[in-house]
Structure formats: C-alpha cells, structure tokens
Amino acid sequence: MSQANIQSEIDGLRETLALEKEYLLAGRARETLTLTEAKLSAMNSLETAFGSFEPGSVPLAYRTDMAEVVTMAKENAVHFEAIQNGLRRAIERVESQHANAYVGSYTQTGGKVAFTEVTGHFLKKA
C-alpha cells in the first residue's frame, strides 16, 4: 500500500471517528452502527499495511496520526459508556417506580384496597 493510500485510510478513519463522536454527543448512538463497516475496513487496511498495530510496527511517519486515532477512539468509547450507563439508570428507575407503584382503590372510609392478585368475582362470557 502506498504512502498516499495509507494516509488516505488514516484520514478517512479520523473523519469517521469524528462523525461518530458527533452522533454520540447528539444522542444518536443508533446511527453509529452505520459507521462500523467504514471503521473496520480502514482498520483492516491499515493492519495489512503495517503488519500489526504493535507500537514498533507502525512506521514513524504515521505514529502521531495513529496515536490521534487511538485517542479519538478512546474518547468515543467513554461516550458510549456514558450512554450505556444513562440507559441502564433510566431502566432501573422505571423498573423501581413500577415495582413500588400502588395500584388499587379506596373504600368509602378511605381505606386502601390493593388490586394485587385480585381477580374479582366477575363471570366471563364465552
């Protein structure tokens, strides 16, 4: 792979990661799925060009660019984790509200009559 092609792959990966960050910060995490193929393709091409991603195998000319790509990817991973934690907390809150919710009625004297496991004495029509 030529130097121009390698630089083009790095630049494309950098643009993809920037777009991914934009999606994440806008709360559009689902749209990041569309970027997966582009990221994997670029990573495969670069791995083929460098032989591996070990620090010693990346040529000096590209180490700064690759370090920037790694930094961007790590930042995006933090954003993904924040979204994941936020969703997990929202689900926990909804579940706990549902579990603690009182569902029932009141008697004429103001006493509570819970509807939990109440089937009633209604006749069902076939």
C-alpha atoms as a PDB file:
ATOM      1  CA  MET A   1       0.000   0.000   0.000  1.00  0.00           C
ATOM      2  CA  SER A   2       1.405   3.388  -0.973  1.00  0.00           C
ATOM      3  CA  GLN A   3       2.008   6.217   1.475  1.00  0.00           C
ATOM      4  CA  ALA A   4      -0.817   8.211  -0.091  1.00  0.00           C
ATOM      5  CA  ASN A   5      -3.232   5.303   0.379  1.00  0.00           C
ATOM      6  CA  ILE A   6      -2.151   4.796   3.984  1.00  0.00           C
ATOM      7  CA  GLN A   7      -2.601   8.488   4.741  1.00  0.00           C
ATOM      8  CA  SER A   8      -5.979   8.423   2.994  1.00  0.00           C
ATOM      9  CA  GLU A   9      -7.106   5.487   5.170  1.00  0.00           C
ATOM     10  CA  ILE A  10      -5.931   7.264   8.326  1.00  0.00           C
ATOM     11  CA  ASP A  11      -7.699  10.482   7.316  1.00  0.00           C
ATOM     12  CA  GLY A  12     -10.876   8.560   6.491  1.00  0.00           C
ATOM     13  CA  LEU A  13     -10.759   6.774   9.841  1.00  0.00           C
ATOM     14  CA  ARG A  14     -10.222  10.085  11.613  1.00  0.00           C
ATOM     15  CA  GLU A  15     -13.257  11.576   9.822  1.00  0.00           C
ATOM     16  CA  THR A  16     -15.354   8.520  10.682  1.00  0.00           C
ATOM     17  CA  LEU A  17     -14.404   8.774  14.358  1.00  0.00           C
ATOM     18  CA  ALA A  18     -15.205  12.495  14.354  1.00  0.00           C
ATOM     19  CA  LEU A  19     -18.636  11.754  12.873  1.00  0.00           C
ATOM     20  CA  GLU A  20     -19.145   9.002  15.451  1.00  0.00           C
ATOM     21  CA  LYS A  21     -18.360  11.487  18.232  1.00  0.00           C
ATOM     22  CA  GLU A  22     -20.826  13.954  16.731  1.00  0.00           C
ATOM     23  CA  TYR A  23     -23.543  11.277  16.723  1.00  0.00           C
ATOM     24  CA  LEU A  24     -22.769  10.261  20.300  1.00  0.00           C
ATOM     25  CA  LEU A  25     -22.810  13.810  21.632  1.00  0.00           C
ATOM     26  CA  ALA A  26     -26.119  14.420  19.852  1.00  0.00           C
ATOM     27  CA  GLY A  27     -27.626  11.323  21.496  1.00  0.00           C
ATOM     28  CA  ARG A  28     -27.868   9.443  18.202  1.00  0.00           C
ATOM     29  CA  ALA A  29     -25.974   6.314  19.267  1.00  0.00           C
ATOM     30  CA  ARG A  30     -28.008   4.066  16.976  1.00  0.00           C
ATOM     31  CA  GLU A  31     -26.666   5.923  13.930  1.00  0.00           C
ATOM     32  CA  THR A  32     -23.103   4.982  14.851  1.00  0.00           C
ATOM     33  CA  LEU A  33     -23.907   1.485  13.596  1.00  0.00           C
ATOM     34  CA  THR A  34     -23.741   2.818  10.044  1.00  0.00           C
ATOM     35  CA  LEU A  35     -20.084   3.718  10.632  1.00  0.00           C
ATOM     36  CA  THR A  36     -18.994   0.253  11.741  1.00  0.00           C
ATOM     37  CA  GLU A  37     -18.196  -1.054   8.266  1.00  0.00           C
ATOM     38  CA  ALA A  38     -16.087   2.004   7.390  1.00  0.00           C
ATOM     39  CA  LYS A  39     -14.116   1.734  10.646  1.00  0.00           C
ATOM     40  CA  LEU A  40     -13.485  -1.994  10.250  1.00  0.00           C
ATOM     41  CA  SER A  41     -12.456  -1.599   6.625  1.00  0.00           C
ATOM     42  CA  ALA A  42      -9.977   1.160   7.463  1.00  0.00           C
ATOM     43  CA  MET A  43      -8.566  -0.782  10.410  1.00  0.00           C
ATOM     44  CA  ASN A  44      -8.127  -3.918   8.292  1.00  0.00           C
ATOM     45  CA  SER A  45      -6.397  -1.947   5.534  1.00  0.00           C
ATOM     46  CA  LEU A  46      -4.055  -0.262   7.998  1.00  0.00           C
ATOM     47  CA  GLU A  47      -3.277  -3.516   9.776  1.00  0.00           C
ATOM     48  CA  THR A  48      -2.415  -5.090   6.433  1.00  0.00           C
ATOM     49  CA  ALA A  49      -0.204  -2.121   5.536  1.00  0.00           C
ATOM     50  CA  PHE A  50       1.614  -2.056   8.903  1.00  0.00           C
ATOM     51  CA  GLY A  51       1.671  -5.797   9.577  1.00  0.00           C
ATOM     52  CA  SER A  52       0.169  -5.238  13.039  1.00  0.00           C
ATOM     53  CA  PHE A  53      -0.747  -2.404  15.372  1.00  0.00           C
ATOM     54  CA  GLU A  54       2.094  -3.023  17.783  1.00  0.00           C
ATOM     55  CA  PRO A  55       3.848   0.299  18.528  1.00  0.00           C
ATOM     56  CA  GLY A  56       7.081  -0.854  16.888  1.00  0.00           C
ATOM     57  CA  SER A  57       5.419  -1.994  13.669  1.00  0.00           C
ATOM     58  CA  VAL A  58       3.783   1.347  12.839  1.00  0.00           C
ATOM     59  CA  PRO A  59       6.243   3.452  10.809  1.00  0.00           C
ATOM     60  CA  LEU A  60       7.446   6.658  12.465  1.00  0.00           C
ATOM     61  CA  ALA A  61       5.752   8.762   9.796  1.00  0.00           C
ATOM     62  CA  TYR A  62       2.326   7.513  10.933  1.00  0.00           C
ATOM     63  CA  ARG A  63       2.747   7.130  14.689  1.00  0.00           C
ATOM     64  CA  THR A  64       1.426  10.592  15.516  1.00  0.00           C
ATOM     65  CA  ASP A  65      -1.603  10.100  13.275  1.00  0.00           C
ATOM     66  CA  MET A  66      -2.290   6.656  14.713  1.00  0.00           C
ATOM     67  CA  ALA A  67      -1.916   7.983  18.273  1.00  0.00           C
ATOM     68  CA  GLU A  68      -4.548  10.602  17.432  1.00  0.00           C
ATOM     69  CA  VAL A  69      -6.846   7.900  16.046  1.00  0.00           C
ATOM     70  CA  VAL A  70      -6.404   5.845  19.222  1.00  0.00           C
ATOM     71  CA  THR A  71      -7.169   8.904  21.367  1.00  0.00           C
ATOM     72  CA  MET A  72     -10.329   9.632  19.377  1.00  0.00           C
ATOM     73  CA  ALA A  73     -11.443   6.005  19.661  1.00  0.00           C
ATOM     74  CA  LYS A  74     -10.879   6.030  23.434  1.00  0.00           C
ATOM     75  CA  GLU A  75     -12.893   9.249  23.797  1.00  0.00           C
ATOM     76  CA  ASN A  76     -15.742   7.731  21.802  1.00  0.00           C
ATOM     77  CA  ALA A  77     -15.615   4.630  23.997  1.00  0.00           C
ATOM     78  CA  VAL A  78     -16.080   6.865  27.048  1.00  0.00           C
ATOM     79  CA  HIS A  79     -19.102   8.499  25.387  1.00  0.00           C
ATOM     80  CA  PHE A  80     -20.541   5.064  24.561  1.00  0.00           C
ATOM     81  CA  GLU A  81     -20.084   4.002  28.171  1.00  0.00           C
ATOM     82  CA  ALA A  82     -21.804   7.166  29.407  1.00  0.00           C
ATOM     83  CA  ILE A  83     -24.780   6.496  27.143  1.00  0.00           C
ATOM     84  CA  GLN A  84     -24.881   2.886  28.291  1.00  0.00           C
ATOM     85  CA  ASN A  85     -24.812   3.917  31.958  1.00  0.00           C
ATOM     86  CA  GLY A  86     -27.515   6.515  31.373  1.00  0.00           C
ATOM     87  CA  LEU A  87     -29.784   3.976  29.713  1.00  0.00           C
ATOM     88  CA  ARG A  88     -29.130   1.441  32.451  1.00  0.00           C
ATOM     89  CA  ARG A  89     -30.019   4.004  35.133  1.00  0.00           C
ATOM     90  CA  ALA A  90     -33.173   5.047  33.290  1.00  0.00           C
ATOM     91  CA  ILE A  91     -34.292   1.419  33.064  1.00  0.00           C
ATOM     92  CA  GLU A  92     -33.580   0.906  36.763  1.00  0.00           C
ATOM     93  CA  ARG A  93     -35.625   3.997  37.669  1.00  0.00           C
ATOM     94  CA  VAL A  94     -38.568   2.903  35.546  1.00  0.00           C
ATOM     95  CA  GLU A  95     -38.443  -0.611  36.972  1.00  0.00           C
ATOM     96  CA  SER A  96     -38.250   0.635  40.557  1.00  0.00           C
ATOM     97  CA  GLN A  97     -41.152   3.044  40.017  1.00  0.00           C
ATOM     98  CA  HIS A  98     -43.194   0.205  38.611  1.00  0.00           C
ATOM     99  CA  ALA A  99     -42.275  -2.122  41.472  1.00  0.00           C
ATOM    100  CA  ASN A 100     -43.137   0.466  44.118  1.00  0.00           C
ATOM    101  CA  ALA A 101     -46.298   1.749  42.482  1.00  0.00           C
ATOM    102  CA  TYR A 102     -49.533   1.340  44.388  1.00  0.00           C
ATOM    103  CA  VAL A 103     -52.337   0.062  42.229  1.00  0.00           C
ATOM    104  CA  GLY A 104     -55.662  -0.148  43.906  1.00  0.00           C
ATOM    105  CA  SER A 105     -58.781   1.599  45.046  1.00  0.00           C
ATOM    106  CA  TYR A 106     -60.185   3.118  48.200  1.00  0.00           C
ATOM    107  CA  THR A 107     -63.114   2.130  50.379  1.00  0.00           C
ATOM    108  CA  GLN A 108     -65.842   4.524  51.496  1.00  0.00           C
ATOM    109  CA  THR A 109     -63.961   5.083  54.734  1.00  0.00           C
ATOM    110  CA  GLY A 110     -60.687   5.889  52.947  1.00  0.00           C
ATOM    111  CA  GLY A 111     -59.020   2.522  53.419  1.00  0.00           C
ATOM    112  CA  LYS A 112     -56.868   1.149  50.639  1.00  0.00           C
ATOM    113  CA  VAL A 113     -57.841  -1.911  48.630  1.00  0.00           C
ATOM    114  CA  ALA A 114     -54.882  -3.160  46.608  1.00  0.00           C
ATOM    115  CA  PHE A 115     -55.507  -4.703  43.211  1.00  0.00           C
ATOM    116  CA  THR A 116     -52.534  -7.060  43.595  1.00  0.00           C
ATOM    117  CA  GLU A 117     -53.572 -10.575  42.676  1.00  0.00           C
ATOM    118  CA  VAL A 118     -57.231  -9.602  42.740  1.00  0.00           C
ATOM    119  CA  THR A 119     -59.266 -11.467  40.184  1.00  0.00           C
ATOM    120  CA  GLY A 120     -62.710 -10.341  41.241  1.00  0.00           C
ATOM    121  CA  HIS A 121     -65.941 -12.252  41.132  1.00  0.00           C
ATOM    122  CA  PHE A 122     -66.913 -11.422  37.596  1.00  0.00           C
ATOM    123  CA  LEU A 123     -68.380 -14.000  35.293  1.00  0.00           C
ATOM    124  CA  LYS A 124     -66.715 -14.333  31.937  1.00  0.00           C
ATOM    125  CA  LYS A 125     -68.780 -14.765  28.821  1.00  0.00           C
ATOM    126  CA  ALA A 126     -67.577 -17.371  26.396  1.00  0.00           C
END
